[in-house]
C-alpha atoms as a PDB file:
ATOM      1  CA  MET A   1      18.981  59.351  32.135  1.00  0.00           C
ATOM      2  CA  GLN A   2      21.525  56.360  32.108  1.00  0.00           C
ATOM      3  CA  THR A   3      20.259  55.083  35.047  1.00  0.00           C
ATOM      4  CA  ALA A   4      16.764  54.619  33.134  1.00  0.00           C
ATOM      5  CA  THR A   5      18.876  53.770  29.953  1.00  0.00           C
ATOM      6  CA  THR A   6      20.809  50.268  32.049  1.00  0.00           C
ATOM      7  CA  ALA A   7      16.965  49.602  33.795  1.00  0.00           C
ATOM      8  CA  ALA A   8      16.014  49.181  30.373  1.00  0.00           C
ATOM      9  CA  LYS A   9      18.504  47.004  28.656  1.00  0.00           C
ATOM     10  CA  PRO A  10      17.248  43.810  29.864  1.00  0.00           C
ATOM     11  CA  GLY A  11      14.225  43.445  27.883  1.00  0.00           C
ATOM     12  CA  PRO A  12      15.737  42.626  24.505  1.00  0.00           C
ATOM     13  CA  SER A  13      17.719  39.423  26.693  1.00  0.00           C
ATOM     14  CA  GLY A  14      14.050  38.630  28.034  1.00  0.00           C
ATOM     15  CA  ALA A  15      12.789  38.477  24.705  1.00  0.00           C
ATOM     16  CA  GLY A  16      15.666  36.019  23.738  1.00  0.00           C
ATOM     17  CA  ALA A  17      15.067  33.593  26.626  1.00  0.00           C
ATOM     18  CA  GLY A  18      11.153  33.673  25.335  1.00  0.00           C
ATOM     19  CA  SER A  19      12.099  32.797  21.782  1.00  0.00           C
ATOM     20  CA  ILE A  20      14.212  29.965  23.731  1.00  0.00           C
ATOM     21  CA  VAL A  21      11.647  28.364  25.413  1.00  0.00           C
ATOM     22  CA  ARG A  22       8.997  28.807  22.785  1.00  0.00           C
ATOM     23  CA  ARG A  23      11.190  26.569  20.230  1.00  0.00           C
ATOM     24  CA  ALA A  24      12.141  23.957  22.591  1.00  0.00           C
ATOM     25  CA  GLY A  25       8.306  23.609  23.146  1.00  0.00           C
ATOM     26  CA  GLN A  26       8.105  23.538  19.673  1.00  0.00           C
ATOM     27  CA  SER A  27      10.819  21.121  19.392  1.00  0.00           C
ATOM     28  CA  ILE A  28       9.492  18.853  22.293  1.00  0.00           C
ATOM     29  CA  PHE A  29       6.206  19.083  20.606  1.00  0.00           C
ATOM     30  CA  TRP A  30       7.675  17.911  17.423  1.00  0.00           C
ATOM     31  CA  LEU A  31       9.186  15.074  18.955  1.00  0.00           C
ATOM     32  CA  ILE A  32       6.670  13.676  20.517  1.00  0.00           C
ATOM     33  CA  LEU A  33       4.503  13.522  17.157  1.00  0.00           C
ATOM     34  CA  THR A  34       7.180  11.560  15.857  1.00  0.00           C
ATOM     35  CA  ILE A  35       6.981   8.892  17.980  1.00  0.00           C
ATOM     36  CA  TYR A  36       3.653   8.621  18.327  1.00  0.00           C
ATOM     37  CA  GLY A  37       3.740   8.462  14.383  1.00  0.00           C
ATOM     38  CA  ILE A  38       6.636   5.732  14.391  1.00  0.00           C
ATOM     39  CA  LEU A  39       4.136   3.680  17.309  1.00  0.00           C
ATOM     40  CA  THR A  40       1.114   4.448  14.883  1.00  0.00           C
ATOM     41  CA  LEU A  41       2.602   3.145  11.713  1.00  0.00           C
ATOM     42  CA  TYR A  42       5.104   0.501  13.677  1.00  0.00           C
ATOM     43  CA  PRO A  43       2.025  -2.279  13.237  1.00  0.00           C
ATOM     44  CA  PHE A  44       1.734  -1.781   9.570  1.00  0.00           C
ATOM     45  CA  PHE A  45       5.338  -1.836   8.839  1.00  0.00           C
ATOM     46  CA  TRP A  46       5.270  -5.078  11.239  1.00  0.00           C
ATOM     47  CA  LEU A  47       2.576  -6.932   8.936  1.00  0.00           C
ATOM     48  CA  VAL A  48       4.118  -5.847   5.867  1.00  0.00           C
ATOM     49  CA  ILE A  49       7.702  -7.458   7.067  1.00  0.00           C
ATOM     50  CA  SER A  50       6.005 -10.370   8.254  1.00  0.00           C
ATOM     51  CA  ALA A  51       4.464 -10.691   5.066  1.00  0.00           C
ATOM     52  CA  PHE A  52       7.643 -12.174   3.545  1.00  0.00           C
ATOM     53  CA  LYS A  53       8.626 -15.069   6.284  1.00  0.00           C
ATOM     54  CA  THR A  54       7.664 -18.548   6.860  1.00  0.00           C
ATOM     55  CA  ASN A  55       6.571 -20.064   9.527  1.00  0.00           C
ATOM     56  CA  GLU A  56      10.006 -20.597  11.233  1.00  0.00           C
ATOM     57  CA  ASP A  57      11.258 -17.580  10.547  1.00  0.00           C
ATOM     58  CA  PHE A  58       8.476 -15.866  12.263  1.00  0.00           C
ATOM     59  CA  TYR A  59       9.184 -18.110  15.350  1.00  0.00           C
ATOM     60  CA  SER A  60      12.708 -17.241  15.388  1.00  0.00           C
ATOM     61  CA  ARG A  61      12.640 -13.560  14.596  1.00  0.00           C
ATOM     62  CA  PRO A  62       8.984 -12.353  15.606  1.00  0.00           C
ATOM     63  CA  PHE A  63      10.469  -8.640  15.179  1.00  0.00           C
ATOM     64  CA  GLY A  64      13.128  -8.583  13.018  1.00  0.00           C
ATOM     65  CA  LEU A  65      13.292  -8.150   8.618  1.00  0.00           C
ATOM     66  CA  PRO A  66      12.960 -12.072   7.390  1.00  0.00           C
ATOM     67  CA  GLU A  67      16.124 -13.900   6.705  1.00  0.00           C
ATOM     68  CA  ILE A  68      14.959 -14.900   3.522  1.00  0.00           C
ATOM     69  CA  TRP A  69      12.867 -12.784   1.528  1.00  0.00           C
ATOM     70  CA  ARG A  70       9.457 -14.740   0.482  1.00  0.00           C
ATOM     71  CA  TRP A  71       8.090 -12.572  -2.417  1.00  0.00           C
ATOM     72  CA  ASP A  72       5.970 -16.051  -3.349  1.00  0.00           C
ATOM     73  CA  ASN A  73       4.033 -15.616   0.098  1.00  0.00           C
ATOM     74  CA  PHE A  74       1.268 -13.348  -1.438  1.00  0.00           C
ATOM     75  CA  SER A  75       0.664 -15.277  -4.805  1.00  0.00           C
ATOM     76  CA  HIS A  76       0.356 -18.372  -3.098  1.00  0.00           C
ATOM     77  CA  ALA A  77      -1.925 -16.972  -0.358  1.00  0.00           C
ATOM     78  CA  TRP A  78      -3.729 -15.760  -3.621  1.00  0.00           C
ATOM     79  CA  ALA A  79      -4.426 -18.963  -5.350  1.00  0.00           C
ATOM     80  CA  SER A  80      -4.759 -21.283  -2.133  1.00  0.00           C
ATOM     81  CA  SER A  81      -7.732 -19.115  -0.479  1.00  0.00           C
ATOM     82  CA  ARG A  82      -9.324 -17.759  -3.774  1.00  0.00           C
ATOM     83  CA  LEU A  83      -8.659 -14.729  -2.593  1.00  0.00           C
ATOM     84  CA  GLY A  84      -9.150 -12.737  -5.852  1.00  0.00           C
ATOM     85  CA  SER A  85     -13.012 -14.013  -5.502  1.00  0.00           C
ATOM     86  CA  ALA A  86     -13.074 -13.401  -2.085  1.00  0.00           C
ATOM     87  CA  PHE A  87     -11.717  -9.465  -3.029  1.00  0.00           C
ATOM     88  CA  VAL A  88     -14.728  -9.290  -5.425  1.00  0.00           C
ATOM     89  CA  ASN A  89     -16.970 -10.291  -2.579  1.00  0.00           C
ATOM     90  CA  SER A  90     -16.015  -7.706  -0.593  1.00  0.00           C
ATOM     91  CA  ILE A  91     -15.997  -4.944  -3.114  1.00  0.00           C
ATOM     92  CA  ILE A  92     -19.450  -5.683  -3.963  1.00  0.00           C
ATOM     93  CA  VAL A  93     -21.002  -5.653  -0.174  1.00  0.00           C
ATOM     94  CA  SER A  94     -18.368  -2.767   0.511  1.00  0.00           C
ATOM     95  CA  LEU A  95     -20.059  -0.714  -2.225  1.00  0.00           C
ATOM     96  CA  GLY A  96     -23.261  -1.631  -2.559  1.00  0.00           C
ATOM     97  CA  SER A  97     -24.159  -0.895   1.139  1.00  0.00           C
ATOM     98  CA  LEU A  98     -21.590   2.571   0.786  1.00  0.00           C
ATOM     99  CA  VAL A  99     -24.038   3.543  -1.671  1.00  0.00           C
ATOM    100  CA  LEU A 100     -27.156   3.657   0.415  1.00  0.00           C
ATOM    101  CA  THR A 101     -25.793   4.523   3.493  1.00  0.00           C
ATOM    102  CA  LEU A 102     -24.896   8.070   1.036  1.00  0.00           C
ATOM    103  CA  PHE A 103     -27.852   8.223  -0.563  1.00  0.00           C
ATOM    104  CA  ILE A 104     -30.119   7.622   2.295  1.00  0.00           C
ATOM    105  CA  ALA A 105     -28.079   9.583   4.535  1.00  0.00           C
ATOM    106  CA  ALA A 106     -27.503  12.965   2.314  1.00  0.00           C
ATOM    107  CA  LEU A 107     -31.355  12.674   1.944  1.00  0.00           C
ATOM    108  CA  ALA A 108     -32.247  12.532   6.161  1.00  0.00           C
ATOM    109  CA  SER A 109     -30.001  14.433   6.913  1.00  0.00           C
ATOM    110  CA  PHE A 110     -30.544  17.403   4.180  1.00  0.00           C
ATOM    111  CA  ILE A 111     -34.305  17.674   5.708  1.00  0.00           C
ATOM    112  CA  LEU A 112     -32.943  17.434   9.262  1.00  0.00           C
ATOM    113  CA  ALA A 113     -30.452  20.275   8.605  1.00  0.00           C
ATOM    114  CA  ARG A 114     -32.494  22.457   6.731  1.00  0.00           C
ATOM    115  CA  PHE A 115     -36.249  21.920   7.850  1.00  0.00           C
ATOM    116  CA  GLN A 116     -38.076  22.952  11.035  1.00  0.00           C
ATOM    117  CA  PHE A 117     -41.158  20.658  11.859  1.00  0.00           C
ATOM    118  CA  LYS A 118     -42.131  19.360  14.560  1.00  0.00           C
ATOM    119  CA  TRP A 119     -40.353  16.172  16.460  1.00  0.00           C
ATOM    120  CA  LYS A 120     -37.484  17.028  14.508  1.00  0.00           C
ATOM    121  CA  GLY A 121     -35.160  16.695  17.580  1.00  0.00           C
ATOM    122  CA  TRP A 122     -36.895  13.322  18.446  1.00  0.00           C
ATOM    123  CA  MET A 123     -36.781  12.386  14.819  1.00  0.00           C
ATOM    124  CA  PHE A 124     -32.699  13.092  15.066  1.00  0.00           C
ATOM    125  CA  ALA A 125     -32.092  11.783  18.590  1.00  0.00           C
ATOM    126  CA  PHE A 126     -33.887   8.535  17.095  1.00  0.00           C
ATOM    127  CA  PHE A 127     -31.546   8.219  14.979  1.00  0.00           C
ATOM    128  CA  VAL A 128     -28.522   8.934  16.380  1.00  0.00           C
ATOM    129  CA  VAL A 129     -29.612   6.483  19.378  1.00  0.00           C
ATOM    130  CA  GLY A 130     -28.598   3.793  16.610  1.00  0.00           C
ATOM    131  CA  MET A 131     -25.213   4.611  17.076  1.00  0.00           C
ATOM    132  CA  LEU A 132     -25.523   2.874  21.226  1.00  0.00           C
ATOM    133  CA  ILE A 133     -26.388  -0.597  20.430  1.00  0.00           C
ATOM    134  CA  PRO A 134     -24.545  -3.202  20.096  1.00  0.00           C
ATOM    135  CA  ILE A 135     -24.129  -4.644  16.370  1.00  0.00           C
ATOM    136  CA  HIS A 136     -23.128  -8.241  18.008  1.00  0.00           C
ATOM    137  CA  SER A 137     -26.086  -8.148  19.669  1.00  0.00           C
ATOM    138  CA  THR A 138     -28.487  -7.885  16.662  1.00  0.00           C
ATOM    139  CA  LEU A 139     -26.981 -11.118  15.289  1.00  0.00           C
ATOM    140  CA  VAL A 140     -29.620 -13.765  16.080  1.00  0.00           C
ATOM    141  CA  PRO A 141     -32.397 -11.675  15.357  1.00  0.00           C
ATOM    142  CA  LEU A 142     -30.915 -10.715  12.379  1.00  0.00           C
ATOM    143  CA  PHE A 143     -30.291 -14.306  11.372  1.00  0.00           C
ATOM    144  CA  ILE A 144     -33.603 -15.511  11.981  1.00  0.00           C
ATOM    145  CA  LEU A 145     -35.049 -12.261  10.038  1.00  0.00           C
ATOM    146  CA  MET A 146     -33.275 -12.819   7.272  1.00  0.00           C
ATOM    147  CA  LYS A 147     -33.376 -16.976   7.037  1.00  0.00           C
ATOM    148  CA  GLN A 148     -37.709 -15.673   6.542  1.00  0.00           C
ATOM    149  CA  MET A 149     -36.506 -13.122   4.041  1.00  0.00           C
ATOM    150  CA  SER A 150     -34.670 -16.541   2.355  1.00  0.00           C
ATOM    151  CA  LEU A 151     -31.462 -13.994   1.995  1.00  0.00           C
ATOM    152  CA  LEU A 152     -29.171 -15.912   3.734  1.00  0.00           C
ATOM    153  CA  ASN A 153     -26.263 -16.814   1.760  1.00  0.00           C
ATOM    154  CA  THR A 154     -26.963 -13.349  -1.063  1.00  0.00           C
ATOM    155  CA  TYR A 155     -25.197 -10.554  -1.181  1.00  0.00           C
ATOM    156  CA  TRP A 156     -27.922  -8.097   0.404  1.00  0.00           C
ATOM    157  CA  ALA A 157     -27.458 -10.446   4.120  1.00  0.00           C
ATOM    158  CA  LEU A 158     -24.618  -8.249   4.308  1.00  0.00           C
ATOM    159  CA  ILE A 159     -25.415  -5.376   2.854  1.00  0.00           C
ATOM    160  CA  LEU A 160     -28.408  -4.443   4.325  1.00  0.00           C
ATOM    161  CA  PRO A 161     -26.931  -4.913   7.993  1.00  0.00           C
ATOM    162  CA  TYR A 162     -24.094  -2.661   7.120  1.00  0.00           C
ATOM    163  CA  THR A 163     -26.162  -0.036   5.308  1.00  0.00           C
ATOM    164  CA  ALA A 164     -28.584   0.091   8.777  1.00  0.00           C
ATOM    165  CA  PHE A 165     -25.633   0.530  10.941  1.00  0.00           C
ATOM    166  CA  ALA A 166     -23.936   2.941   9.296  1.00  0.00           C
ATOM    167  CA  LEU A 167     -27.025   5.284   9.252  1.00  0.00           C
ATOM    168  CA  PRO A 168     -26.574   6.850  12.515  1.00  0.00           C
ATOM    169  CA  THR A 169     -22.552   7.675  12.029  1.00  0.00           C
ATOM    170  CA  ALA A 170     -23.525   9.051   8.893  1.00  0.00           C
ATOM    171  CA  ILE A 171     -26.206  11.182   9.667  1.00  0.00           C
ATOM    172  CA  PHE A 172     -24.951  12.184  12.658  1.00  0.00           C
ATOM    173  CA  VAL A 173     -21.575  13.631  10.733  1.00  0.00           C
ATOM    174  CA  LEU A 174     -23.454  15.188   7.455  1.00  0.00           C
ATOM    175  CA  THR A 175     -26.685  16.727  10.026  1.00  0.00           C
ATOM    176  CA  ALA A 176     -23.849  18.763  11.815  1.00  0.00           C
ATOM    177  CA  TYR A 177     -21.973  19.501   8.745  1.00  0.00           C
ATOM    178  CA  LEU A 178     -25.429  20.948   7.118  1.00  0.00           C
ATOM    179  CA  THR A 179     -26.062  22.742   9.607  1.00  0.00           C
ATOM    180  CA  SER A 180     -23.009  24.876   9.339  1.00  0.00           C
ATOM    181  CA  ILE A 181     -23.934  26.070   5.932  1.00  0.00           C
ATOM    182  CA  PRO A 182     -25.214  29.568   5.688  1.00  0.00           C
ATOM    183  CA  ARG A 183     -29.292  30.202   5.162  1.00  0.00           C
ATOM    184  CA  ASP A 184     -27.635  32.735   2.550  1.00  0.00           C
ATOM    185  CA  ILE A 185     -26.550  30.209  -0.113  1.00  0.00           C
ATOM    186  CA  GLU A 186     -30.263  28.369   0.430  1.00  0.00           C
ATOM    187  CA  GLU A 187     -31.970  31.703   0.166  1.00  0.00           C
ATOM    188  CA  ALA A 188     -30.194  32.923  -3.525  1.00  0.00           C
ATOM    189  CA  SER A 189     -30.901  29.562  -4.600  1.00  0.00           C
ATOM    190  CA  PHE A 190     -34.659  29.901  -4.003  1.00  0.00           C
ATOM    191  CA  ILE A 191     -34.605  33.324  -5.543  1.00  0.00           C
ATOM    192  CA  ASP A 192     -32.550  32.306  -9.035  1.00  0.00           C
ATOM    193  CA  GLY A 193     -35.111  29.332  -9.599  1.00  0.00           C
ATOM    194  CA  THR A 194     -33.915  26.472  -8.099  1.00  0.00           C
ATOM    195  CA  GLY A 195     -35.907  24.103  -6.479  1.00  0.00           C
ATOM    196  CA  LEU A 196     -35.415  21.097  -3.835  1.00  0.00           C
ATOM    197  CA  TRP A 197     -34.286  18.692  -5.646  1.00  0.00           C
ATOM    198  CA  GLY A 198     -31.802  21.473  -7.379  1.00  0.00           C
ATOM    199  CA  LEU A 199     -30.690  22.588  -4.045  1.00  0.00           C
ATOM    200  CA  PHE A 200     -30.007  19.225  -2.933  1.00  0.00           C
ATOM    201  CA  PHE A 201     -28.079  17.911  -5.595  1.00  0.00           C
ATOM    202  CA  ARG A 202     -26.545  21.346  -7.062  1.00  0.00           C
ATOM    203  CA  ILE A 203     -25.159  23.090  -3.693  1.00  0.00           C
ATOM    204  CA  MET A 204     -25.778  20.793  -0.709  1.00  0.00           C
ATOM    205  CA  LEU A 205     -23.951  17.710  -2.316  1.00  0.00           C
ATOM    206  CA  PRO A 206     -21.285  19.688  -3.677  1.00  0.00           C
ATOM    207  CA  MET A 207     -20.563  21.546   0.034  1.00  0.00           C
ATOM    208  CA  SER A 208     -20.657  18.357   1.934  1.00  0.00           C
ATOM    209  CA  LEU A 209     -18.049  16.804   0.337  1.00  0.00           C
ATOM    210  CA  PRO A 210     -15.718  16.599   3.132  1.00  0.00           C
ATOM    211  CA  ALA A 211     -18.563  15.452   5.285  1.00  0.00           C
ATOM    212  CA  LEU A 212     -19.304  13.000   2.613  1.00  0.00           C
ATOM    213  CA  ALA A 213     -16.026  11.529   2.572  1.00  0.00           C
ATOM    214  CA  THR A 214     -15.736  11.192   6.312  1.00  0.00           C
ATOM    215  CA  VAL A 215     -19.055   8.699   5.798  1.00  0.00           C
ATOM    216  CA  THR A 216     -17.606   7.039   2.679  1.00  0.00           C
ATOM    217  CA  ILE A 217     -13.997   6.233   4.690  1.00  0.00           C
ATOM    218  CA  LEU A 218     -15.768   5.110   7.864  1.00  0.00           C
ATOM    219  CA  SER A 219     -18.827   3.389   6.494  1.00  0.00           C
ATOM    220  CA  PHE A 220     -16.330   1.472   3.610  1.00  0.00           C
ATOM    221  CA  LEU A 221     -13.760   0.456   6.751  1.00  0.00           C
ATOM    222  CA  HIS A 222     -16.708  -1.377   8.616  1.00  0.00           C
ATOM    223  CA  ALA A 223     -17.930  -3.302   5.822  1.00  0.00           C
ATOM    224  CA  TRP A 224     -14.690  -4.436   4.074  1.00  0.00           C
ATOM    225  CA  ASN A 225     -13.052  -5.133   7.705  1.00  0.00           C
ATOM    226  CA  ASP A 226     -16.220  -6.948   8.567  1.00  0.00           C
ATOM    227  CA  PHE A 227     -15.953 -10.931  10.509  1.00  0.00           C
ATOM    228  CA  SER A 228     -18.579 -11.819  12.047  1.00  0.00           C
ATOM    229  CA  PHE A 229     -21.598 -10.930   9.949  1.00  0.00           C
ATOM    230  CA  ALA A 230     -20.048 -12.642   7.220  1.00  0.00           C
ATOM    231  CA  LEU A 231     -19.537 -15.715   9.204  1.00  0.00           C
ATOM    232  CA  VAL A 232     -22.814 -16.079  10.416  1.00  0.00           C
ATOM    233  CA  PHE A 233     -24.891 -15.291   7.000  1.00  0.00           C
ATOM    234  CA  ILE A 234     -22.797 -16.012   4.299  1.00  0.00           C
ATOM    235  CA  ASN A 235     -21.917 -20.146   4.208  1.00  0.00           C
ATOM    236  CA  LYS A 236     -21.463 -20.591   0.099  1.00  0.00           C
ATOM    237  CA  THR A 237     -17.643 -20.509  -0.774  1.00  0.00           C
ATOM    238  CA  GLU A 238     -18.237 -18.465  -3.358  1.00  0.00           C
ATOM    239  CA  LEU A 239     -20.010 -15.735  -1.656  1.00  0.00           C
ATOM    240  CA  LYS A 240     -17.133 -15.094   1.291  1.00  0.00           C
ATOM    241  CA  THR A 241     -15.508 -11.872   1.616  1.00  0.00           C
ATOM    242  CA  LEU A 242     -12.368 -11.116   2.627  1.00  0.00           C
ATOM    243  CA  PRO A 243     -12.116 -11.680   6.137  1.00  0.00           C
ATOM    244  CA  LEU A 244     -13.512 -15.433   5.820  1.00  0.00           C
ATOM    245  CA  ALA A 245     -11.162 -16.018   3.315  1.00  0.00           C
ATOM    246  CA  ILE A 246      -8.102 -15.009   5.382  1.00  0.00           C
ATOM    247  CA  ALA A 247      -9.236 -17.168   8.423  1.00  0.00           C
ATOM    248  CA  ASN A 248      -9.023 -19.829   6.169  1.00  0.00           C
ATOM    249  CA  PHE A 249      -5.222 -19.956   6.926  1.00  0.00           C
ATOM    250  CA  ALA A 250      -5.522 -21.118  10.026  1.00  0.00           C
ATOM    251  CA  ASP A 251      -7.243 -24.440  11.491  1.00  0.00           C
ATOM    252  CA  GLY A 252      -7.481 -26.115  14.496  1.00  0.00           C
ATOM    253  CA  TYR A 253      -3.911 -27.719  14.274  1.00  0.00           C
ATOM    254  CA  GLN A 254      -1.511 -25.056  12.894  1.00  0.00           C
ATOM    255  CA  THR A 255      -1.497 -21.470  11.363  1.00  0.00           C
ATOM    256  CA  ASP A 256       0.485 -20.587   8.157  1.00  0.00           C
ATOM    257  CA  TYR A 257       1.286 -16.835   9.614  1.00  0.00           C
ATOM    258  CA  GLY A 258       3.393 -16.340   6.575  1.00  0.00           C
ATOM    259  CA  LEU A 259       0.356 -16.536   3.826  1.00  0.00           C
ATOM    260  CA  THR A 260      -1.996 -15.124   6.612  1.00  0.00           C
ATOM    261  CA  LEU A 261       0.244 -11.790   6.920  1.00  0.00           C
ATOM    262  CA  ALA A 262       0.198 -11.534   3.347  1.00  0.00           C
ATOM    263  CA  ALA A 263      -3.224 -11.877   2.545  1.00  0.00           C
ATOM    264  CA  MET A 264      -3.961  -9.376   4.925  1.00  0.00           C
ATOM    265  CA  THR A 265      -0.853  -7.024   3.828  1.00  0.00           C
ATOM    266  CA  LEU A 266      -2.949  -6.960   0.655  1.00  0.00           C
ATOM    267  CA  SER A 267      -6.493  -6.441   1.851  1.00  0.00           C
ATOM    268  CA  VAL A 268      -5.021  -3.517   3.666  1.00  0.00           C
ATOM    269  CA  ILE A 269      -4.549  -1.608   0.162  1.00  0.00           C
ATOM    270  CA  PRO A 270      -7.772  -0.918  -0.551  1.00  0.00           C
ATOM    271  CA  THR A 271      -8.255   0.513   2.833  1.00  0.00           C
ATOM    272  CA  VAL A 272      -4.743   2.366   2.926  1.00  0.00           C
ATOM    273  CA  LEU A 273      -5.606   3.850  -0.920  1.00  0.00           C
ATOM    274  CA  LEU A 274      -8.798   5.176   0.508  1.00  0.00           C
ATOM    275  CA  TYR A 275      -7.675   6.919   3.532  1.00  0.00           C
ATOM    276  CA  LEU A 276      -5.311   8.831   1.473  1.00  0.00           C
ATOM    277  CA  LEU A 277      -7.348   9.654  -1.436  1.00  0.00           C
ATOM    278  CA  PHE A 278     -10.139  11.439   1.293  1.00  0.00           C
ATOM    279  CA  GLN A 279      -7.595  12.344   3.858  1.00  0.00           C
ATOM    280  CA  GLU A 280      -7.555  16.201   3.710  1.00  0.00           C
ATOM    281  CA  GLN A 281     -11.750  16.127   2.776  1.00  0.00           C
ATOM    282  CA  MET A 282     -12.325  13.533   6.036  1.00  0.00           C
ATOM    283  CA  MET A 283      -9.865  16.387   8.195  1.00  0.00           C
ATOM    284  CA  LYS A 284     -12.472  18.672   7.739  1.00  0.00           C
ATOM    285  CA  GLY A 285     -15.695  16.613   7.818  1.00  0.00           C
ATOM    286  CA  MET A 286     -14.661  15.933  11.104  1.00  0.00           C
ATOM    287  CA  THR A 287     -13.806  19.361  12.418  1.00  0.00           C
ATOM    288  CA  ALA A 288     -17.231  20.583  10.497  1.00  0.00           C
ATOM    289  CA  GLY A 289     -19.250  22.829  13.408  1.00  0.00           C
ATOM    290  CA  ALA A 290     -16.313  22.644  15.656  1.00  0.00           C
ATOM    291  CA  VAL A 291     -15.764  26.311  15.091  1.00  0.00           C
ATOM    292  CA  LYS A 292     -18.535  29.035  14.788  1.00  0.00           C
ATOM    293  CA  GLY A 293     -17.977  32.697  13.429  1.00  0.00           C
END
């Protein structure tokens, strides 16, 4: 009995060693995440800090704090490049393409996810293949098309292409999410007398808010940050979007980095706020269908 008792004693010691290893592993995991978070956030921190510098300060202290904090960089950037008008244009174009993308993608995804019909797989593949098309390879044919349709130098010259190139990703995300919704909910709504439009607007759309939030962020960011389409399709000064307005601070001779970075800081604010508003829903939407059961 004494021997058996003595042999059973190493148990708690082994459990203690396992607990120490587990805590050490968690500490290393959180340390790696912290380092990754710092490396990820540093470019944004550098952008904000550099927005308060003069050109001389930027060259002499590129990674340090400003010697003199130039708060007037923001007001000068706003006035000298007509950022107010550019903000309005970017908002109109981004929201216009976003509304069209959400409406068309939601309808198409609802049909693809909830109905069975011939060539369904091929139709879904047709939409998804659009994700493989390089966007900038279509600039020349789109320019010719826009010119023939007299859409150059209009908001539609940007809204329509942005919508077209956002639809494949939007349909892919929304279809995956709507497919994961149980059929019992759909059958119960039909028993209660709900029609197809009622099922779509009252049940499917509210339940797919995480996927819609994901599509909202991805589509809005693409339209808000695009430079090449706006450069090719827009020549009127009063219709230029934010990327074009920011590019005015650089010419063939010099670049005013203080004003450029101040303008970029102002342009980033709406996207950061949008992400903070929808981040929780976006995480749910991106992981839709990842776990079954």
